[in-house]
Amino acid sequence: MQAEEAALTEYLRELAATEGITITTERMARFEPVAFDANIVELIESAAMQRELPSKRMTSGAGHDAQMMARICPAAMFFVPSIGGISHNPREYTPRPDLVAGANVLLDVIKNLAGDV
């Protein structure tokens, strides 16, 4: 990320010089990546498997509450599929059965963490 930011900064500097313009930038936020709790990740995968739902581990580049919480407590997150893979967009749509399946996986994980399973 830092190398890409440096490359962008250099490109913008050259563009400004070539075009005779001024370009200003401002970094709004920067959060370092976190590793989620391996136990919770395994519980999520296990819950999905027991419900015969497909799953795969993914890296998320989006900033989520779980990313902030993982700095102070065990955390993880999972996603339910959206039509066309569209996420964080007004066109995002997830059919009700997928939402229910995701809610049930969440319930299973919470019950397991609470010792009820």
N, C-alpha and C. Protein backbone atom coordinates (compact mmCIF):
# COMPACT_ATOMS: atom_id res chain seq x y z
N MET A 1 0.83 -1.19 0.00
CA MET A 1 0.00 0.00 0.00
C MET A 1 0.88 1.26 0.00
N GLN A 2 1.92 1.23 0.82
CA GLN A 2 2.78 2.41 0.89
C GLN A 2 3.50 2.66 -0.43
N ALA A 3 3.90 1.57 -1.10
CA ALA A 3 4.57 1.73 -2.40
C ALA A 3 3.61 2.32 -3.43
N GLU A 4 2.35 1.87 -3.40
CA GLU A 4 1.36 2.40 -4.34
C GLU A 4 1.05 3.86 -4.04
N GLU A 5 0.98 4.21 -2.78
CA GLU A 5 0.75 5.62 -2.43
C GLU A 5 1.91 6.48 -2.89
N ALA A 6 3.13 5.97 -2.73
CA ALA A 6 4.31 6.72 -3.18
C ALA A 6 4.29 6.89 -4.70
N ALA A 7 3.91 5.84 -5.42
CA ALA A 7 3.84 5.93 -6.88
C ALA A 7 2.77 6.93 -7.31
N LEU A 8 1.64 6.92 -6.64
CA LEU A 8 0.58 7.87 -6.96
C LEU A 8 1.03 9.31 -6.67
N THR A 9 1.69 9.50 -5.55
CA THR A 9 2.20 10.83 -5.20
C THR A 9 3.16 11.34 -6.26
N GLU A 10 4.05 10.48 -6.72
CA GLU A 10 5.02 10.87 -7.76
C GLU A 10 4.29 11.18 -9.06
N TYR A 11 3.33 10.36 -9.43
CA TYR A 11 2.56 10.61 -10.66
C TYR A 11 1.84 11.96 -10.58
N LEU A 12 1.21 12.23 -9.46
CA LEU A 12 0.50 13.49 -9.32
C LEU A 12 1.45 14.68 -9.34
N ARG A 13 2.64 14.52 -8.76
CA ARG A 13 3.64 15.59 -8.79
C ARG A 13 4.06 15.87 -10.23
N GLU A 14 4.31 14.80 -11.00
CA GLU A 14 4.70 14.96 -12.40
C GLU A 14 3.55 15.55 -13.22
N LEU A 15 2.35 15.12 -12.98
CA LEU A 15 1.19 15.63 -13.70
C LEU A 15 1.01 17.12 -13.43
N ALA A 16 1.12 17.50 -12.18
CA ALA A 16 0.98 18.91 -11.82
C ALA A 16 2.04 19.75 -12.52
N ALA A 17 3.29 19.26 -12.55
CA ALA A 17 4.37 20.01 -13.20
C ALA A 17 4.13 20.10 -14.71
N THR A 18 3.73 18.99 -15.33
CA THR A 18 3.50 18.96 -16.78
C THR A 18 2.34 19.87 -17.19
N GLU A 19 1.28 19.84 -16.41
CA GLU A 19 0.08 20.60 -16.76
C GLU A 19 0.06 22.01 -16.20
N GLY A 20 1.04 22.33 -15.34
CA GLY A 20 1.07 23.66 -14.75
C GLY A 20 -0.08 23.91 -13.80
N ILE A 21 -0.44 22.88 -13.06
CA ILE A 21 -1.56 22.99 -12.12
C ILE A 21 -1.08 22.62 -10.72
N THR A 22 -1.94 22.89 -9.76
CA THR A 22 -1.67 22.50 -8.39
C THR A 22 -2.62 21.37 -8.01
N ILE A 23 -2.06 20.30 -7.48
CA ILE A 23 -2.86 19.17 -7.02
C ILE A 23 -2.59 19.00 -5.53
N THR A 24 -3.65 18.98 -4.75
CA THR A 24 -3.50 18.73 -3.31
C THR A 24 -4.22 17.43 -2.97
N THR A 25 -3.69 16.73 -2.01
CA THR A 25 -4.30 15.49 -1.55
C THR A 25 -4.40 15.52 -0.04
N GLU A 26 -5.31 14.71 0.45
CA GLU A 26 -5.48 14.59 1.90
C GLU A 26 -5.85 13.14 2.21
N ARG A 27 -5.09 12.51 3.06
CA ARG A 27 -5.42 11.15 3.48
C ARG A 27 -6.53 11.23 4.52
N MET A 28 -7.63 10.57 4.22
CA MET A 28 -8.78 10.63 5.11
C MET A 28 -8.65 9.61 6.25
N ALA A 29 -8.15 8.44 5.94
CA ALA A 29 -8.03 7.41 6.97
C ALA A 29 -7.02 6.37 6.51
N ARG A 30 -6.36 5.77 7.46
CA ARG A 30 -5.44 4.68 7.14
C ARG A 30 -5.48 3.74 8.33
N PHE A 31 -5.88 2.53 8.08
CA PHE A 31 -5.92 1.52 9.13
C PHE A 31 -5.09 0.34 8.67
N GLU A 32 -4.21 -0.08 9.53
CA GLU A 32 -3.37 -1.22 9.22
C GLU A 32 -4.22 -2.49 9.24
N PRO A 33 -3.85 -3.47 8.42
CA PRO A 33 -4.60 -4.73 8.41
C PRO A 33 -4.53 -5.43 9.77
N VAL A 34 -5.52 -6.25 10.02
CA VAL A 34 -5.54 -7.06 11.24
C VAL A 34 -5.77 -8.51 10.87
N ALA A 35 -5.34 -9.39 11.73
CA ALA A 35 -5.64 -10.82 11.58
C ALA A 35 -6.79 -11.12 12.53
N PHE A 36 -7.80 -11.79 12.01
CA PHE A 36 -8.93 -12.15 12.85
C PHE A 36 -8.60 -13.36 13.71
N ASP A 37 -9.38 -13.53 14.74
CA ASP A 37 -9.19 -14.62 15.69
C ASP A 37 -9.38 -15.97 14.99
N ALA A 38 -8.33 -16.80 15.02
CA ALA A 38 -8.36 -18.09 14.31
C ALA A 38 -9.48 -18.99 14.82
N ASN A 39 -9.75 -18.98 16.13
CA ASN A 39 -10.81 -19.81 16.69
C ASN A 39 -12.17 -19.41 16.14
N ILE A 40 -12.44 -18.10 16.11
CA ILE A 40 -13.75 -17.65 15.62
C ILE A 40 -13.87 -17.94 14.12
N VAL A 41 -12.80 -17.75 13.38
CA VAL A 41 -12.84 -18.06 11.95
C VAL A 41 -13.17 -19.54 11.75
N GLU A 42 -12.56 -20.40 12.53
CA GLU A 42 -12.84 -21.84 12.43
C GLU A 42 -14.28 -22.15 12.83
N LEU A 43 -14.80 -21.46 13.83
CA LEU A 43 -16.20 -21.67 14.22
C LEU A 43 -17.15 -21.27 13.09
N ILE A 44 -16.83 -20.19 12.40
CA ILE A 44 -17.66 -19.75 11.28
C ILE A 44 -17.64 -20.81 10.18
N GLU A 45 -16.44 -21.27 9.84
CA GLU A 45 -16.33 -22.30 8.80
C GLU A 45 -17.06 -23.58 9.19
N SER A 46 -16.93 -23.96 10.44
CA SER A 46 -17.60 -25.17 10.92
C SER A 46 -19.12 -25.02 10.87
N ALA A 47 -19.62 -23.86 11.30
CA ALA A 47 -21.06 -23.62 11.26
C ALA A 47 -21.59 -23.66 9.83
N ALA A 48 -20.85 -23.08 8.91
CA ALA A 48 -21.27 -23.12 7.50
C ALA A 48 -21.25 -24.55 6.98
N MET A 49 -20.21 -25.29 7.33
CA MET A 49 -20.10 -26.67 6.87
C MET A 49 -21.25 -27.52 7.41
N GLN A 50 -21.57 -27.35 8.70
CA GLN A 50 -22.65 -28.12 9.30
C GLN A 50 -24.00 -27.80 8.66
N ARG A 51 -24.13 -26.62 8.14
CA ARG A 51 -25.38 -26.23 7.46
C ARG A 51 -25.28 -26.47 5.95
N GLU A 52 -24.20 -27.14 5.55
CA GLU A 52 -23.97 -27.47 4.14
C GLU A 52 -23.97 -26.23 3.25
N LEU A 53 -23.33 -25.18 3.76
CA LEU A 53 -23.20 -23.93 3.01
C LEU A 53 -21.76 -23.81 2.52
N PRO A 54 -21.56 -23.34 1.30
CA PRO A 54 -20.20 -23.17 0.81
C PRO A 54 -19.52 -22.02 1.55
N SER A 55 -18.22 -22.13 1.70
CA SER A 55 -17.46 -21.04 2.32
C SER A 55 -16.06 -21.03 1.75
N LYS A 56 -15.44 -19.88 1.83
CA LYS A 56 -14.03 -19.76 1.48
C LYS A 56 -13.47 -18.57 2.25
N ARG A 57 -12.20 -18.70 2.61
CA ARG A 57 -11.55 -17.59 3.31
C ARG A 57 -11.20 -16.52 2.30
N MET A 58 -11.41 -15.28 2.72
CA MET A 58 -11.14 -14.14 1.84
C MET A 58 -10.45 -13.05 2.65
N THR A 59 -9.73 -12.22 1.95
CA THR A 59 -9.17 -11.02 2.55
C THR A 59 -10.08 -9.87 2.18
N SER A 60 -10.44 -9.09 3.17
CA SER A 60 -11.30 -7.94 2.91
C SER A 60 -10.47 -6.67 2.98
N GLY A 61 -10.63 -5.82 2.01
CA GLY A 61 -9.95 -4.53 2.02
C GLY A 61 -10.83 -3.43 2.59
N ALA A 62 -12.05 -3.77 2.88
CA ALA A 62 -12.97 -2.76 3.41
C ALA A 62 -12.72 -2.57 4.91
N GLY A 63 -12.92 -1.37 5.38
CA GLY A 63 -12.83 -1.09 6.81
C GLY A 63 -14.16 -1.40 7.47
N HIS A 64 -14.16 -2.34 8.38
CA HIS A 64 -15.39 -2.74 9.06
C HIS A 64 -15.19 -2.59 10.56
N ASP A 65 -16.29 -2.58 11.30
CA ASP A 65 -16.20 -2.51 12.76
C ASP A 65 -15.33 -3.63 13.30
N ALA A 66 -15.43 -4.81 12.69
CA ALA A 66 -14.65 -5.96 13.17
C ALA A 66 -13.16 -5.67 13.09
N GLN A 67 -12.74 -4.89 12.12
CA GLN A 67 -11.32 -4.53 12.00
C GLN A 67 -10.89 -3.69 13.20
N MET A 68 -11.76 -2.82 13.65
CA MET A 68 -11.44 -1.99 14.81
C MET A 68 -11.50 -2.82 16.09
N MET A 69 -12.52 -3.66 16.20
CA MET A 69 -12.69 -4.48 17.41
C MET A 69 -11.56 -5.49 17.57
N ALA A 70 -11.03 -6.01 16.45
CA ALA A 70 -9.97 -7.01 16.52
C ALA A 70 -8.72 -6.49 17.21
N ARG A 71 -8.60 -5.20 17.34
CA ARG A 71 -7.45 -4.61 18.04
C ARG A 71 -7.58 -4.75 19.56
N ILE A 72 -8.82 -4.98 20.04
CA ILE A 72 -9.01 -5.02 21.48
C ILE A 72 -9.65 -6.31 22.00
N CYS A 73 -10.17 -7.14 21.09
CA CYS A 73 -10.81 -8.39 21.52
C CYS A 73 -10.84 -9.37 20.35
N PRO A 74 -11.09 -10.64 20.63
CA PRO A 74 -11.21 -11.61 19.53
C PRO A 74 -12.37 -11.21 18.62
N ALA A 75 -12.12 -11.23 17.33
CA ALA A 75 -13.15 -10.83 16.36
C ALA A 75 -12.93 -11.56 15.04
N ALA A 76 -13.97 -11.62 14.27
CA ALA A 76 -13.92 -12.14 12.90
C ALA A 76 -15.16 -11.62 12.20
N MET A 77 -15.24 -11.86 10.91
CA MET A 77 -16.44 -11.49 10.19
C MET A 77 -16.64 -12.47 9.05
N PHE A 78 -17.88 -12.51 8.60
CA PHE A 78 -18.17 -13.34 7.43
C PHE A 78 -19.16 -12.58 6.56
N PHE A 79 -19.19 -12.98 5.32
CA PHE A 79 -20.04 -12.33 4.34
C PHE A 79 -21.06 -13.32 3.81
N VAL A 80 -22.22 -12.83 3.47
CA VAL A 80 -23.19 -13.63 2.74
C VAL A 80 -23.08 -13.19 1.28
N PRO A 81 -23.40 -14.09 0.35
CA PRO A 81 -23.23 -13.73 -1.07
C PRO A 81 -24.23 -12.67 -1.52
N SER A 82 -23.76 -11.78 -2.35
CA SER A 82 -24.62 -10.77 -2.96
C SER A 82 -24.67 -11.04 -4.46
N ILE A 83 -25.80 -10.77 -5.07
CA ILE A 83 -25.98 -10.99 -6.50
C ILE A 83 -24.90 -10.23 -7.27
N GLY A 84 -24.21 -10.94 -8.13
CA GLY A 84 -23.18 -10.32 -8.96
C GLY A 84 -21.94 -9.92 -8.19
N GLY A 85 -21.85 -10.30 -6.92
CA GLY A 85 -20.69 -9.93 -6.11
C GLY A 85 -20.63 -8.45 -5.77
N ILE A 86 -21.72 -7.74 -6.00
CA ILE A 86 -21.74 -6.29 -5.74
C ILE A 86 -21.87 -6.06 -4.24
N SER A 87 -20.96 -5.27 -3.70
CA SER A 87 -20.94 -5.01 -2.27
C SER A 87 -20.66 -3.52 -2.02
N HIS A 88 -21.19 -3.00 -0.94
CA HIS A 88 -20.98 -1.61 -0.56
C HIS A 88 -21.43 -0.67 -1.69
N ASN A 89 -22.60 -0.94 -2.21
CA ASN A 89 -23.12 -0.21 -3.35
C ASN A 89 -24.65 -0.25 -3.26
N PRO A 90 -25.33 0.79 -3.67
CA PRO A 90 -26.80 0.76 -3.61
C PRO A 90 -27.42 -0.40 -4.39
N ARG A 91 -26.69 -0.94 -5.39
CA ARG A 91 -27.22 -2.06 -6.17
C ARG A 91 -26.99 -3.41 -5.47
N GLU A 92 -26.34 -3.40 -4.32
CA GLU A 92 -26.11 -4.66 -3.61
C GLU A 92 -27.45 -5.30 -3.25
N TYR A 93 -27.56 -6.60 -3.53
CA TYR A 93 -28.78 -7.32 -3.18
C TYR A 93 -28.43 -8.75 -2.79
N THR A 94 -28.96 -9.17 -1.67
CA THR A 94 -28.79 -10.54 -1.20
C THR A 94 -30.18 -11.13 -0.99
N PRO A 95 -30.48 -12.25 -1.65
CA PRO A 95 -31.80 -12.86 -1.48
C PRO A 95 -32.05 -13.29 -0.04
N ARG A 96 -33.31 -13.23 0.35
CA ARG A 96 -33.72 -13.56 1.72
C ARG A 96 -33.17 -14.91 2.21
N PRO A 97 -33.22 -15.98 1.42
CA PRO A 97 -32.68 -17.26 1.93
C PRO A 97 -31.19 -17.17 2.31
N ASP A 98 -30.42 -16.39 1.56
CA ASP A 98 -29.00 -16.23 1.91
C ASP A 98 -28.83 -15.41 3.19
N LEU A 99 -29.71 -14.43 3.38
CA LEU A 99 -29.66 -13.64 4.62
C LEU A 99 -30.02 -14.52 5.82
N VAL A 100 -31.04 -15.34 5.67
CA VAL A 100 -31.44 -16.25 6.75
C VAL A 100 -30.32 -17.24 7.04
N ALA A 101 -29.70 -17.78 6.01
CA ALA A 101 -28.59 -18.72 6.21
C ALA A 101 -27.44 -18.04 6.96
N GLY A 102 -27.13 -16.80 6.59
CA GLY A 102 -26.08 -16.06 7.28
C GLY A 102 -26.43 -15.80 8.73
N ALA A 103 -27.68 -15.44 8.99
CA ALA A 103 -28.12 -15.20 10.36
C ALA A 103 -28.01 -16.47 11.19
N ASN A 104 -28.32 -17.61 10.57
CA ASN A 104 -28.22 -18.88 11.29
C ASN A 104 -26.77 -19.25 11.58
N VAL A 105 -25.87 -18.97 10.65
CA VAL A 105 -24.44 -19.20 10.92
C VAL A 105 -24.00 -18.32 12.08
N LEU A 106 -24.40 -17.07 12.07
CA LEU A 106 -24.06 -16.16 13.17
C LEU A 106 -24.60 -16.69 14.49
N LEU A 107 -25.85 -17.14 14.49
CA LEU A 107 -26.44 -17.70 15.71
C LEU A 107 -25.65 -18.90 16.20
N ASP A 108 -25.28 -19.79 15.28
CA ASP A 108 -24.49 -20.97 15.66
C ASP A 108 -23.16 -20.58 16.30
N VAL A 109 -22.50 -19.61 15.72
CA VAL A 109 -21.20 -19.17 16.25
C VAL A 109 -21.37 -18.55 17.63
N ILE A 110 -22.38 -17.70 17.78
CA ILE A 110 -22.62 -17.07 19.09
C ILE A 110 -22.94 -18.12 20.14
N LYS A 111 -23.80 -19.07 19.80
CA LYS A 111 -24.14 -20.13 20.75
C LYS A 111 -22.89 -20.93 21.13
N ASN A 112 -22.06 -21.20 20.16
CA ASN A 112 -20.83 -21.96 20.42
C ASN A 112 -19.92 -21.16 21.35
N LEU A 113 -19.74 -19.91 21.07
CA LEU A 113 -18.88 -19.06 21.90
C LEU A 113 -19.45 -18.93 23.33
N ALA A 114 -20.78 -18.97 23.43
CA ALA A 114 -21.41 -18.84 24.74
C ALA A 114 -21.42 -20.18 25.49
N GLY A 115 -21.00 -21.25 24.80
CA GLY A 115 -20.96 -22.55 25.45
C GLY A 115 -22.26 -23.30 25.41
N ASP A 116 -23.18 -22.90 24.54
CA ASP A 116 -24.50 -23.53 24.46
C ASP A 116 -24.56 -24.67 23.45
N VAL A 117 -23.45 -24.95 22.78
CA VAL A 117 -23.49 -26.00 21.74
C VAL A 117 -22.70 -27.20 22.22
